Amino acid sequence: MKKSYQTGRDLLKAIGTAVLVGMVSTGAAFAQRDDRPNVVVILADDLGYGDLSCYGATKVHTPNIDRLAEEGLRFTDAHSPASVCTPTRYNLLTGRYAWRTWASSSCVWSNDPLLIDPDRFTLPDLFKSHRYRTACIGKWHLGFGEPGMPGWNDVLGPDYNRELRPGPCEVGFDYFWGIPHVGQLPHVIIENHRVLGLSPDDPMRMLPDKRPGFEKNYLERPRLGLATALGVEGGRSARYEHEELAIMMTERAVEWIHEQSADQPFFLYFAHRNIHGPIRPNKRFRDKSSIGAYGDFLMELDWSVGELLGALEAKGLTDNTLVMFSSDNGAIQTYREVVRSATIRGHKLNGPLRGQKTDVYEGGTRIPLIARWPGRIRAGSRSGAIVALTDLLATFADFFGVDLPADAGEDSFSFLGALLDTRPRQVVRQALVSDSFWNTYAIRRGDWKLILSQTSGGVASERIPYDPDKPPGQLYHLGRDISESVNEYSNHPKIVASLAELLKTYQESGRSAPANRGIRKAD
């Protein structure tokens, strides 16, 4: 008998709320406060470590994002544990590495089911347990529906003409307004469970990709997030234009902020579409940058952030809102070839880092991360702490002074001490695992980073043959070699063996964070 995801989720939420509210630590500074801050997490798409002027860019200027850094904290060693879109979003919302799921390291597609188990405790669940209003606006890219639900087709996936559930509203969000993905078909806006603007006289029909080999793959493995796309017929009244999308999403996010009541705090996860391809800035930003359309798109993103900050200011919420800004992975110049340093007209997308999106090199996984909370986060500060988007769940659990359920946040570690410049007694991250599009793993402990491959594991790396005259893997000391230019694999066999064994332990145990961690009294 098929389980009821809603019944199971209701039970989990009841248990989770009791656990989270009941396990308040005497050392928690915020659990009993009446002035719980609003929280806004802005996640840019494919924004590189070197794409912002506050991170060293000189060919482009991002004054609104720079303002966040000037008024808050800038992390210099923050990471997405994955170098592509879907896994990062799973990491952020669940505190668990996405390579532990059926999608592994790849992206889900239009015919794939919801990747997050509706019974799993998530970041929005945590906020809801503390009586926050929660919303996801923007790019979802985590699938809709599940096999066996009404309208499900084993090849074409969910029926976009019907209710799309389970989805964001079944994993903790009170409200969803956004797109299923960027670039893939269909190009539509979904509000909660329905495609907006869809006419019953022109239903949407999903079609398998007819390119040689792709249709066969869908028939054989229809649920495994294959790197392909579906075709679509109909549904013309519901389609958006890429040039309008960033403005539409921004306007809806601003509207949602203004709609919120003053007597209930909110958590807004604003998952932007910029600067993921296709690079099509709105006409108001076109031809404004010295580096072309890419720079124009960066300007559009920066404008969007400014609009959200303006909405908070207009409602008098600036001082009581924690704003976090980051990116889902590094930037990319081309999918067709291996690049050492992604560059456009002299602008280094990922700064001094090697590689790009889809790679397990730093250029694929090291990202900007900025946090602002006036009066609580020191303005103009900087942190070199190793943090990851996977850590948001544990960090906010620590913030509220509660413990997570034992089967939640398996790879999440709190960085509250670095965020608020305090020194709580936290479980320290032992190591960070990263993975590439082709399931190439890297493990970082301290300054040492081991890559279990001769290549980056990125999209174009599959064209590189194995070289028996080279070491089978790569070892870099990021403290003295941030550009990953000197492979020290052969010089440190003990370090290689130790890191490889630790990675194996994480893979086989199902978690990297200890199951019995707790929020203990601060010193």
Protein backbone atom coordinates (compact mmCIF):
# COMPACT_ATOMS: atom_id res chain seq x y z
CA MET A 1 0.00 0.00 0.00
CA LYS A 2 1.37 3.39 -0.98
CA LYS A 3 2.14 5.73 1.91
CA SER A 4 0.33 9.03 2.24
CA TYR A 5 2.98 11.72 2.11
CA GLN A 6 0.64 14.25 3.72
CA THR A 7 -0.22 11.99 6.66
CA GLY A 8 3.45 11.12 7.17
CA ARG A 9 4.46 14.75 6.96
CA ASP A 10 1.81 15.88 9.42
CA LEU A 11 3.11 13.31 11.90
CA LEU A 12 6.71 14.42 11.38
CA LYS A 13 5.79 18.07 11.81
CA ALA A 14 3.95 17.32 15.06
CA ILE A 15 6.92 15.35 16.40
CA GLY A 16 9.47 17.84 15.05
CA THR A 17 7.73 20.82 16.57
CA ALA A 18 7.57 19.10 19.95
CA VAL A 19 11.25 18.20 19.75
CA LEU A 20 12.40 21.60 18.57
CA VAL A 21 10.29 23.68 20.91
CA GLY A 22 10.76 21.34 23.86
CA MET A 23 14.55 21.07 23.68
CA VAL A 24 15.38 24.73 24.24
CA SER A 25 18.82 25.00 25.80
CA THR A 26 19.49 27.24 28.74
CA GLY A 27 22.40 28.62 26.75
CA ALA A 28 20.25 29.67 23.78
CA ALA A 29 20.20 33.42 23.27
CA PHE A 30 17.27 33.70 20.88
CA ALA A 31 14.68 30.97 21.49
CA GLN A 32 12.61 33.06 23.90
CA ARG A 33 12.94 36.42 22.18
CA ASP A 34 9.82 38.26 21.04
CA ASP A 35 11.75 40.11 18.34
CA ARG A 36 12.65 37.06 16.26
CA PRO A 37 14.27 38.43 13.10
CA ASN A 38 12.88 37.95 9.65
CA VAL A 39 15.25 35.91 7.48
CA VAL A 40 15.78 36.42 3.76
CA VAL A 41 18.06 34.02 1.89
CA ILE A 42 18.87 35.19 -1.65
CA LEU A 43 20.45 32.48 -3.78
CA ALA A 44 21.89 33.67 -7.09
CA ASP A 45 22.26 31.17 -9.92
CA ASP A 46 25.70 30.44 -11.43
CA LEU A 47 27.25 33.52 -9.82
CA GLY A 48 31.02 33.17 -9.60
CA TYR A 49 33.36 33.94 -6.71
CA GLY A 50 34.85 36.78 -8.78
CA ASP A 51 31.61 38.23 -10.16
CA LEU A 52 31.06 40.86 -7.45
CA SER A 53 33.04 44.03 -6.91
CA CYS A 54 33.06 43.33 -3.16
CA TYR A 55 34.95 40.11 -4.00
CA GLY A 56 37.47 41.86 -6.22
CA ALA A 57 35.79 42.32 -9.61
CA THR A 58 36.94 45.45 -11.42
CA LYS A 59 35.21 45.13 -14.80
CA VAL A 60 31.72 45.10 -13.26
CA HIS A 61 30.15 46.95 -10.34
CA THR A 62 27.50 45.59 -7.97
CA PRO A 63 26.70 48.45 -5.56
CA ASN A 64 23.62 46.92 -3.89
CA ILE A 65 25.32 43.61 -3.11
CA ASP A 66 28.43 45.53 -2.07
CA ARG A 67 26.24 47.43 0.36
CA LEU A 68 25.32 44.15 2.04
CA ALA A 69 29.01 43.41 2.48
CA GLU A 70 29.75 46.90 3.78
CA GLU A 71 26.96 46.65 6.32
CA GLY A 72 27.56 43.00 7.22
CA LEU A 73 29.87 40.01 7.02
CA ARG A 74 31.65 38.60 3.97
CA PHE A 75 32.81 34.97 4.00
CA THR A 76 35.88 34.11 1.91
CA ASP A 77 35.86 30.30 2.27
CA ALA A 78 32.18 29.48 1.74
CA HIS A 79 31.12 26.59 -0.46
CA SER A 80 28.32 24.89 -2.24
CA PRO A 81 29.10 21.19 -1.71
CA ALA A 82 27.84 20.61 -5.27
CA SER A 83 28.88 22.34 -8.48
CA VAL A 84 25.47 22.28 -10.22
CA CYS A 85 21.96 23.55 -9.53
CA THR A 86 19.71 20.79 -8.18
CA PRO A 87 22.14 19.21 -5.69
CA THR A 88 22.88 22.61 -4.15
CA ARG A 89 19.21 23.35 -3.59
CA TYR A 90 18.75 19.97 -1.96
CA ASN A 91 21.83 20.57 0.23
CA LEU A 92 20.60 23.98 1.35
CA LEU A 93 17.05 22.95 2.24
CA THR A 94 17.84 19.59 3.88
CA GLY A 95 21.35 19.89 5.34
CA ARG A 96 22.17 16.61 3.59
CA TYR A 97 24.48 15.90 0.66
CA ALA A 98 22.46 15.38 -2.50
CA TRP A 99 24.72 12.56 -3.69
CA ARG A 100 23.00 10.44 -1.05
CA THR A 101 19.78 10.62 -3.13
CA TRP A 102 18.60 8.86 -6.30
CA ALA A 103 19.58 11.93 -8.35
CA SER A 104 23.19 11.62 -7.18
CA SER A 105 25.21 14.59 -8.51
CA SER A 106 23.08 15.55 -11.50
CA CYS A 107 20.11 17.85 -12.00
CA VAL A 108 16.50 16.77 -12.05
CA TRP A 109 14.48 17.48 -15.17
CA SER A 110 10.95 18.28 -16.18
CA ASN A 111 9.81 14.67 -15.95
CA ASP A 112 11.49 13.93 -12.61
CA PRO A 113 9.62 13.61 -9.29
CA LEU A 114 10.20 15.67 -6.18
CA LEU A 115 13.73 14.98 -4.94
CA ILE A 116 13.09 15.91 -1.30
CA ASP A 117 11.18 13.22 0.57
CA PRO A 118 8.05 14.99 1.90
CA ASP A 119 8.66 13.31 5.26
CA ARG A 120 12.13 14.83 5.61
CA PHE A 121 12.64 17.69 8.07
CA THR A 122 13.76 20.81 6.18
CA LEU A 123 14.96 24.37 6.71
CA PRO A 124 11.47 25.86 6.17
CA ASP A 125 10.11 23.28 8.60
CA LEU A 126 12.50 24.62 11.21
CA PHE A 127 11.21 28.15 10.72
CA LYS A 128 7.58 27.02 10.73
CA SER A 129 8.18 25.26 14.06
CA HIS A 130 9.05 28.72 15.42
CA ARG A 131 5.88 30.22 13.96
CA TYR A 132 7.44 31.85 10.92
CA ARG A 133 5.60 32.43 7.65
CA THR A 134 7.65 30.70 4.93
CA ALA A 135 7.87 31.30 1.18
CA CYS A 136 9.93 30.14 -1.77
CA ILE A 137 9.97 32.56 -4.69
CA GLY A 138 12.03 31.85 -7.79
CA LYS A 139 13.74 28.81 -9.19
CA TRP A 140 12.74 25.45 -7.65
CA HIS A 141 14.59 22.81 -9.72
CA LEU A 142 13.81 19.97 -7.30
CA GLY A 143 11.02 18.22 -9.21
CA PHE A 144 7.27 17.86 -8.75
CA GLY A 145 4.98 14.96 -7.99
CA GLU A 146 5.83 11.33 -7.42
CA PRO A 147 5.15 8.06 -9.26
CA GLY A 148 1.71 6.68 -8.56
CA MET A 149 0.11 10.06 -7.94
CA PRO A 150 -2.82 11.16 -10.18
CA GLY A 151 -1.61 12.35 -13.58
CA TRP A 152 1.85 10.80 -13.29
CA ASN A 153 3.37 9.35 -16.47
CA ASP A 154 6.39 7.08 -16.11
CA VAL A 155 8.10 8.68 -19.13
CA LEU A 156 6.78 12.25 -19.17
CA GLY A 157 6.51 12.69 -15.42
CA PRO A 158 3.92 15.02 -13.83
CA ASP A 159 1.00 16.46 -15.79
CA TYR A 160 1.55 20.22 -15.80
CA ASN A 161 -2.14 20.75 -16.52
CA ARG A 162 -3.08 19.35 -13.10
CA GLU A 163 -2.05 20.11 -9.55
CA LEU A 164 1.70 19.66 -9.15
CA ARG A 165 2.09 17.95 -5.81
CA PRO A 166 4.05 17.09 -3.81
CA GLY A 167 6.23 20.15 -4.36
CA PRO A 168 7.54 23.14 -2.37
CA CYS A 169 4.37 23.40 -0.27
CA GLU A 170 4.78 19.80 0.86
CA VAL A 171 8.32 20.30 2.17
CA GLY A 172 7.74 23.25 4.48
CA PHE A 173 6.82 26.31 2.44
CA ASP A 174 3.51 28.08 3.06
CA TYR A 175 3.74 29.71 -0.36
CA PHE A 176 5.52 29.09 -3.66
CA TRP A 177 5.68 31.32 -6.71
CA GLY A 178 8.30 30.53 -9.29
CA ILE A 179 9.68 28.44 -12.08
CA PRO A 180 10.39 24.72 -12.19
CA HIS A 181 13.91 25.33 -13.55
CA VAL A 182 15.84 27.68 -15.87
CA GLY A 183 16.42 26.95 -19.55
CA GLN A 184 14.48 23.69 -19.61
CA LEU A 185 10.96 23.44 -20.93
CA PRO A 186 8.30 24.28 -19.95
CA HIS A 187 8.90 28.01 -19.43
CA VAL A 188 6.04 28.65 -17.02
CA ILE A 189 5.27 30.21 -13.65
CA ILE A 190 3.81 28.00 -10.93
CA GLU A 191 1.95 29.36 -7.93
CA ASN A 192 1.69 26.81 -5.13
CA HIS A 193 0.43 23.79 -7.12
CA ARG A 194 -0.80 25.26 -10.43
CA VAL A 195 0.72 26.67 -13.61
CA LEU A 196 -0.40 30.31 -13.90
CA GLY A 197 -2.19 31.48 -17.04
CA LEU A 198 -2.74 28.03 -18.49
CA SER A 199 -5.82 27.88 -20.73
CA PRO A 200 -7.95 24.71 -20.69
CA ASP A 201 -8.43 25.26 -24.43
CA ASP A 202 -4.67 24.94 -24.99
CA PRO A 203 -3.32 22.28 -22.61
CA MET A 204 0.39 21.65 -22.24
CA ARG A 205 1.73 18.41 -23.69
CA MET A 206 5.18 17.22 -22.71
CA LEU A 207 7.17 15.32 -25.32
CA PRO A 208 10.26 13.10 -25.04
CA ASP A 209 13.43 14.48 -26.57
CA LYS A 210 13.71 13.04 -30.08
CA ARG A 211 17.47 13.40 -30.45
CA PRO A 212 19.29 10.10 -31.09
CA GLY A 213 19.82 8.24 -27.83
CA PHE A 214 17.82 10.54 -25.58
CA GLU A 215 14.38 9.00 -26.08
CA LYS A 216 15.85 5.57 -25.40
CA ASN A 217 17.40 6.84 -22.16
CA TYR A 218 14.09 8.22 -20.96
CA LEU A 219 12.30 4.95 -21.63
CA GLU A 220 14.96 2.97 -19.76
CA ARG A 221 15.62 5.35 -16.84
CA PRO A 222 12.78 7.88 -16.69
CA ARG A 223 13.39 9.01 -13.11
CA LEU A 224 17.13 9.44 -12.80
CA GLY A 225 17.65 13.05 -13.76
CA LEU A 226 19.28 12.44 -17.11
CA ALA A 227 21.13 15.31 -18.75
CA THR A 228 18.58 16.02 -21.46
CA ALA A 229 15.44 18.09 -21.97
CA LEU A 230 11.82 17.52 -22.86
CA GLY A 231 9.92 19.08 -25.68
CA VAL A 232 6.56 20.78 -25.13
CA GLU A 233 3.48 21.56 -27.18
CA GLY A 234 0.64 23.86 -26.27
CA GLY A 235 0.30 25.98 -23.15
CA ARG A 236 1.26 29.15 -25.02
CA SER A 237 -0.77 31.44 -22.78
CA ALA A 238 1.29 30.35 -19.75
CA ARG A 239 4.78 30.83 -21.16
CA TYR A 240 7.10 33.58 -19.99
CA GLU A 241 9.85 35.40 -21.89
CA HIS A 242 13.36 35.03 -20.49
CA GLU A 243 13.97 38.78 -20.74
CA GLU A 244 11.07 39.48 -18.37
CA LEU A 245 11.66 36.76 -15.82
CA ALA A 246 14.08 38.43 -13.38
CA ILE A 247 11.85 41.49 -13.12
CA MET A 248 8.72 39.36 -12.63
CA MET A 249 10.36 37.35 -9.87
CA THR A 250 11.70 40.45 -8.14
CA GLU A 251 8.35 42.22 -8.24
CA ARG A 252 6.61 39.18 -6.75
CA ALA A 253 9.19 38.92 -3.95
CA VAL A 254 8.79 42.62 -3.14
CA GLU A 255 5.01 42.26 -3.15
CA TRP A 256 5.22 39.25 -0.83
CA ILE A 257 7.36 41.19 1.66
CA HIS A 258 4.83 44.02 1.68
CA GLU A 259 1.99 41.53 2.22
CA GLN A 260 3.47 40.19 5.47
CA SER A 261 1.93 41.01 8.81
CA ALA A 262 3.98 42.83 11.42
CA ASP A 263 2.99 40.34 14.12
CA GLN A 264 4.55 37.27 12.49
CA PRO A 265 8.18 36.89 11.36
CA PHE A 266 8.91 35.46 7.94
CA PHE A 267 11.47 33.33 6.15
CA LEU A 268 11.86 34.09 2.44
CA TYR A 269 13.97 31.87 0.22
CA PHE A 270 14.44 33.92 -2.95
CA ALA A 271 16.07 31.66 -5.54
CA HIS A 272 17.06 33.95 -8.39
CA ARG A 273 17.27 33.02 -12.07
CA ASN A 274 20.29 35.29 -12.74
CA ILE A 275 22.86 34.71 -14.00
CA HIS A 276 22.07 31.25 -15.35
CA GLY A 277 21.85 30.98 -19.12
CA PRO A 278 20.28 31.88 -21.41
CA ILE A 279 21.95 35.23 -20.78
CA ARG A 280 19.09 37.52 -21.76
CA PRO A 281 18.93 40.72 -19.70
CA ASN A 282 15.87 42.92 -19.87
CA LYS A 283 16.09 45.83 -22.28
CA ARG A 284 16.48 48.31 -19.42
CA PHE A 285 19.87 46.71 -18.59
CA ARG A 286 21.00 45.81 -22.11
CA ASP A 287 24.29 47.25 -23.37
CA LYS A 288 25.07 48.85 -20.01
CA SER A 289 28.19 46.84 -19.13
CA SER A 290 31.68 47.01 -20.62
CA ILE A 291 31.90 43.21 -20.76
CA GLY A 292 28.68 42.65 -22.69
CA ALA A 293 25.52 40.68 -21.92
CA TYR A 294 27.10 38.80 -19.01
CA GLY A 295 27.84 42.08 -17.25
CA ASP A 296 24.37 43.38 -18.08
CA PHE A 297 22.90 40.30 -16.41
CA LEU A 298 25.03 40.94 -13.31
CA MET A 299 23.70 44.49 -13.19
CA GLU A 300 20.15 43.12 -13.39
CA LEU A 301 20.85 40.79 -10.47
CA ASP A 302 22.31 43.63 -8.42
CA TRP A 303 19.26 45.79 -9.18
CA SER A 304 17.02 42.97 -8.00
CA VAL A 305 18.85 42.70 -4.67
CA GLY A 306 18.50 46.46 -4.28
CA GLU A 307 14.74 46.19 -4.79
CA LEU A 308 14.43 43.62 -1.99
CA LEU A 309 16.55 45.73 0.35
CA GLY A 310 14.39 48.71 -0.53
CA ALA A 311 11.23 46.76 0.31
CA LEU A 312 12.61 45.86 3.73
CA GLU A 313 13.56 49.47 4.35
CA ALA A 314 10.14 50.75 3.24
CA LYS A 315 8.44 48.48 5.78
CA GLY A 316 10.86 49.42 8.53
CA LEU A 317 12.27 45.89 8.68
CA THR A 318 15.94 46.49 7.93
CA ASP A 319 17.17 46.32 11.51
CA ASN A 320 15.14 43.20 12.33
CA THR A 321 15.96 41.19 9.21
CA LEU A 322 18.89 38.86 8.66
CA VAL A 323 19.70 38.90 4.94
CA MET A 324 21.98 36.25 3.48
CA PHE A 325 23.20 36.36 -0.11
CA SER A 326 25.01 33.56 -1.92
CA SER A 327 25.21 31.49 -5.11
CA ASP A 328 24.36 27.89 -5.91
CA ASN A 329 27.74 27.14 -7.50
CA GLY A 330 30.52 28.78 -9.48
CA ALA A 331 30.11 30.59 -12.76
CA ILE A 332 30.59 28.96 -16.16
CA GLN A 333 32.02 30.24 -19.41
CA THR A 334 31.41 27.22 -21.65
CA TYR A 335 30.12 23.67 -21.28
CA ARG A 336 31.98 22.55 -24.38
CA GLU A 337 35.56 22.69 -23.23
CA VAL A 338 37.74 22.46 -20.15
CA VAL A 339 38.84 25.90 -18.97
CA ARG A 340 41.39 26.67 -16.29
CA SER A 341 40.13 30.20 -15.64
CA ALA A 342 36.70 31.25 -16.93
CA THR A 343 37.18 34.75 -18.38
CA ILE A 344 35.01 37.16 -20.37
CA ARG A 345 36.69 40.29 -21.77
CA GLY A 346 39.21 40.34 -18.95
CA HIS A 347 36.65 39.65 -16.24
CA LYS A 348 37.51 36.51 -14.28
CA LEU A 349 34.17 34.99 -13.38
CA ASN A 350 35.55 32.90 -10.52
CA GLY A 351 38.39 35.21 -9.54
CA PRO A 352 41.69 33.41 -8.84
CA LEU A 353 40.05 30.00 -8.66
CA ARG A 354 40.55 27.10 -11.05
CA GLY A 355 37.65 25.66 -13.01
CA GLN A 356 33.99 26.53 -13.32
CA LYS A 357 30.46 25.26 -12.74
CA THR A 358 30.18 21.42 -12.92
CA ASP A 359 33.83 21.07 -11.79
CA VAL A 360 34.92 19.89 -8.35
CA TYR A 361 37.70 22.48 -8.43
CA GLU A 362 37.28 25.60 -6.27
CA GLY A 363 35.89 27.54 -9.25
CA GLY A 364 32.92 25.18 -9.24
CA THR A 365 32.21 25.11 -5.51
CA ARG A 366 33.63 28.17 -3.71
CA ILE A 367 30.99 30.88 -3.65
CA PRO A 368 30.26 34.35 -2.32
CA LEU A 369 28.40 34.39 1.00
CA ILE A 370 27.34 37.64 2.65
CA ALA A 371 25.22 38.13 5.77
CA ARG A 372 23.75 41.36 7.15
CA TRP A 373 21.84 41.93 10.39
CA PRO A 374 22.36 45.50 11.65
CA GLY A 375 23.37 45.65 15.28
CA ARG A 376 24.02 41.89 15.49
CA ILE A 377 26.54 41.29 12.71
CA ARG A 378 29.53 43.60 12.72
CA ALA A 379 29.52 45.89 9.66
CA GLY A 380 32.38 45.49 7.20
CA SER A 381 33.60 42.28 8.81
CA ARG A 382 35.16 39.27 7.12
CA SER A 383 35.44 35.58 8.02
CA GLY A 384 37.74 32.87 6.73
CA ALA A 385 35.73 30.08 8.37
CA ILE A 386 35.02 27.05 6.18
CA VAL A 387 31.25 27.02 5.79
CA ALA A 388 28.80 25.47 3.35
CA LEU A 389 25.22 26.04 2.24
CA THR A 390 24.48 22.63 3.74
CA ASP A 391 25.12 24.24 7.12
CA LEU A 392 22.15 26.61 7.16
CA LEU A 393 19.87 24.06 8.82
CA ALA A 394 22.19 23.39 11.76
CA THR A 395 23.10 27.06 12.05
CA PHE A 396 19.51 28.19 12.44
CA ALA A 397 18.75 25.29 14.79
CA ASP A 398 21.67 26.59 16.88
CA PHE A 399 20.30 30.11 16.51
CA PHE A 400 16.96 29.04 17.99
CA GLY A 401 18.74 27.00 20.64
CA VAL A 402 17.24 23.66 19.66
CA ASP A 403 18.46 20.27 18.54
CA LEU A 404 17.54 18.72 15.19
CA PRO A 405 15.76 15.38 14.86
CA ALA A 406 18.29 12.54 14.61
CA ASP A 407 17.40 11.85 10.98
CA ALA A 408 17.72 15.46 9.80
CA GLY A 409 20.67 17.57 8.71
CA GLU A 410 23.02 14.61 8.37
CA ASP A 411 25.76 16.78 6.84
CA SER A 412 24.98 20.13 8.46
CA PHE A 413 27.23 21.95 10.94
CA SER A 414 26.47 25.21 12.72
CA PHE A 415 28.56 28.28 11.89
CA LEU A 416 26.59 30.54 14.22
CA GLY A 417 29.77 31.50 16.04
CA ALA A 418 31.32 32.84 12.86
CA LEU A 419 28.06 34.47 11.78
CA LEU A 420 27.46 36.43 14.99
CA ASP A 421 31.11 36.66 16.09
CA THR A 422 30.46 34.65 19.25
CA ARG A 423 32.10 31.52 20.57
CA PRO A 424 29.40 28.96 21.39
CA ARG A 425 30.55 25.41 22.08
CA GLN A 426 29.62 23.90 18.72
CA VAL A 427 30.39 20.66 16.93
CA VAL A 428 33.27 21.63 14.64
CA ARG A 429 33.20 20.54 11.01
CA GLN A 430 35.82 17.84 10.52
CA ALA A 431 35.78 17.92 6.74
CA LEU A 432 33.75 19.08 3.74
CA VAL A 433 32.80 16.83 0.82
CA SER A 434 32.24 18.30 -2.64
CA ASP A 435 31.16 16.59 -5.82
CA SER A 436 31.05 17.34 -9.52
CA PHE A 437 28.49 16.75 -12.25
CA TRP A 438 30.04 13.38 -13.11
CA ASN A 439 30.24 12.18 -9.49
CA THR A 440 33.88 13.04 -8.94
CA TYR A 441 34.36 13.56 -5.23
CA ALA A 442 36.66 15.86 -3.30
CA ILE A 443 37.18 16.01 0.44
CA ARG A 444 38.60 19.02 2.26
CA ARG A 445 40.10 18.93 5.76
CA GLY A 446 41.85 22.06 6.89
CA ASP A 447 43.89 23.32 3.94
CA TRP A 448 44.25 19.92 2.28
CA LYS A 449 41.88 18.97 -0.52
CA LEU A 450 41.87 15.53 -2.14
CA ILE A 451 40.19 14.91 -5.51
CA LEU A 452 39.64 11.26 -6.36
CA SER A 453 40.21 11.69 -10.09
CA GLN A 454 42.73 12.99 -12.58
CA THR A 455 40.13 15.48 -13.85
CA SER A 456 37.63 17.99 -12.49
CA GLY A 457 34.63 15.73 -13.08
CA GLY A 458 32.97 18.58 -14.97
CA VAL A 459 30.84 18.28 -18.07
CA ALA A 460 33.73 18.64 -20.50
CA SER A 461 36.13 16.47 -18.50
CA GLU A 462 34.70 13.23 -19.87
CA ARG A 463 36.65 13.93 -23.05
CA ILE A 464 39.96 13.67 -21.18
CA PRO A 465 41.40 10.12 -21.27
CA TYR A 466 43.04 8.55 -18.24
CA ASP A 467 46.82 9.08 -18.20
CA PRO A 468 48.70 6.16 -16.56
CA ASP A 469 51.82 8.33 -16.23
CA LYS A 470 50.07 10.75 -13.88
CA PRO A 471 48.95 10.24 -10.27
CA PRO A 472 45.46 8.70 -10.07
CA GLY A 473 44.19 11.64 -8.03
CA GLN A 474 44.91 15.22 -7.05
CA LEU A 475 45.96 16.75 -3.73
CA TYR A 476 46.17 20.49 -3.17
CA HIS A 477 47.09 22.69 -0.23
CA LEU A 478 44.64 25.56 -0.58
CA GLY A 479 46.40 27.66 2.03
CA ARG A 480 49.35 28.20 -0.28
CA ASP A 481 47.79 27.23 -3.61
CA ILE A 482 44.24 28.54 -3.91
CA SER A 483 44.37 28.16 -7.71
CA GLU A 484 45.02 24.41 -7.38
CA SER A 485 48.04 24.54 -9.67
CA VAL A 486 50.49 22.18 -7.89
CA ASN A 487 49.37 18.57 -7.45
CA GLU A 488 51.01 17.17 -4.29
CA TYR A 489 49.32 13.75 -4.45
CA SER A 490 52.55 11.76 -4.86
CA ASN A 491 54.34 13.66 -2.08
CA HIS A 492 51.90 12.94 0.76
CA PRO A 493 50.61 9.34 0.61
CA LYS A 494 49.56 9.36 4.29
CA ILE A 495 47.40 12.44 3.82
CA VAL A 496 45.87 10.92 0.69
CA ALA A 497 45.09 7.67 2.50
CA SER A 498 43.64 9.45 5.54
CA LEU A 499 41.36 11.69 3.51
CA ALA A 500 40.24 8.83 1.27
CA GLU A 501 39.37 6.75 4.32
CA LEU A 502 37.42 9.61 5.88
CA LEU A 503 35.42 10.08 2.68
CA LYS A 504 34.63 6.37 2.61
CA THR A 505 33.41 6.60 6.21
CA TYR A 506 31.08 9.48 5.35
CA GLN A 507 29.74 7.63 2.33
CA GLU A 508 29.07 4.38 4.17
CA SER A 509 27.74 5.84 7.41
CA GLY A 510 25.09 8.01 5.78
CA ARG A 511 26.18 11.17 7.57
CA SER A 512 29.16 13.37 8.35
CA ALA A 513 27.65 15.27 11.28
CA PRO A 514 27.41 13.28 14.54
CA ALA A 515 23.91 11.96 15.25
CA ASN A 516 24.08 12.83 18.95
CA ARG A 517 25.17 16.43 18.57
CA GLY A 518 23.31 18.86 20.75
CA ILE A 519 23.17 22.56 21.39
CA ARG A 520 25.17 22.82 24.57
CA LYS A 521 25.50 25.68 26.97
CA ALA A 522 27.83 28.41 25.75
CA ASP A 523 30.97 29.26 27.69
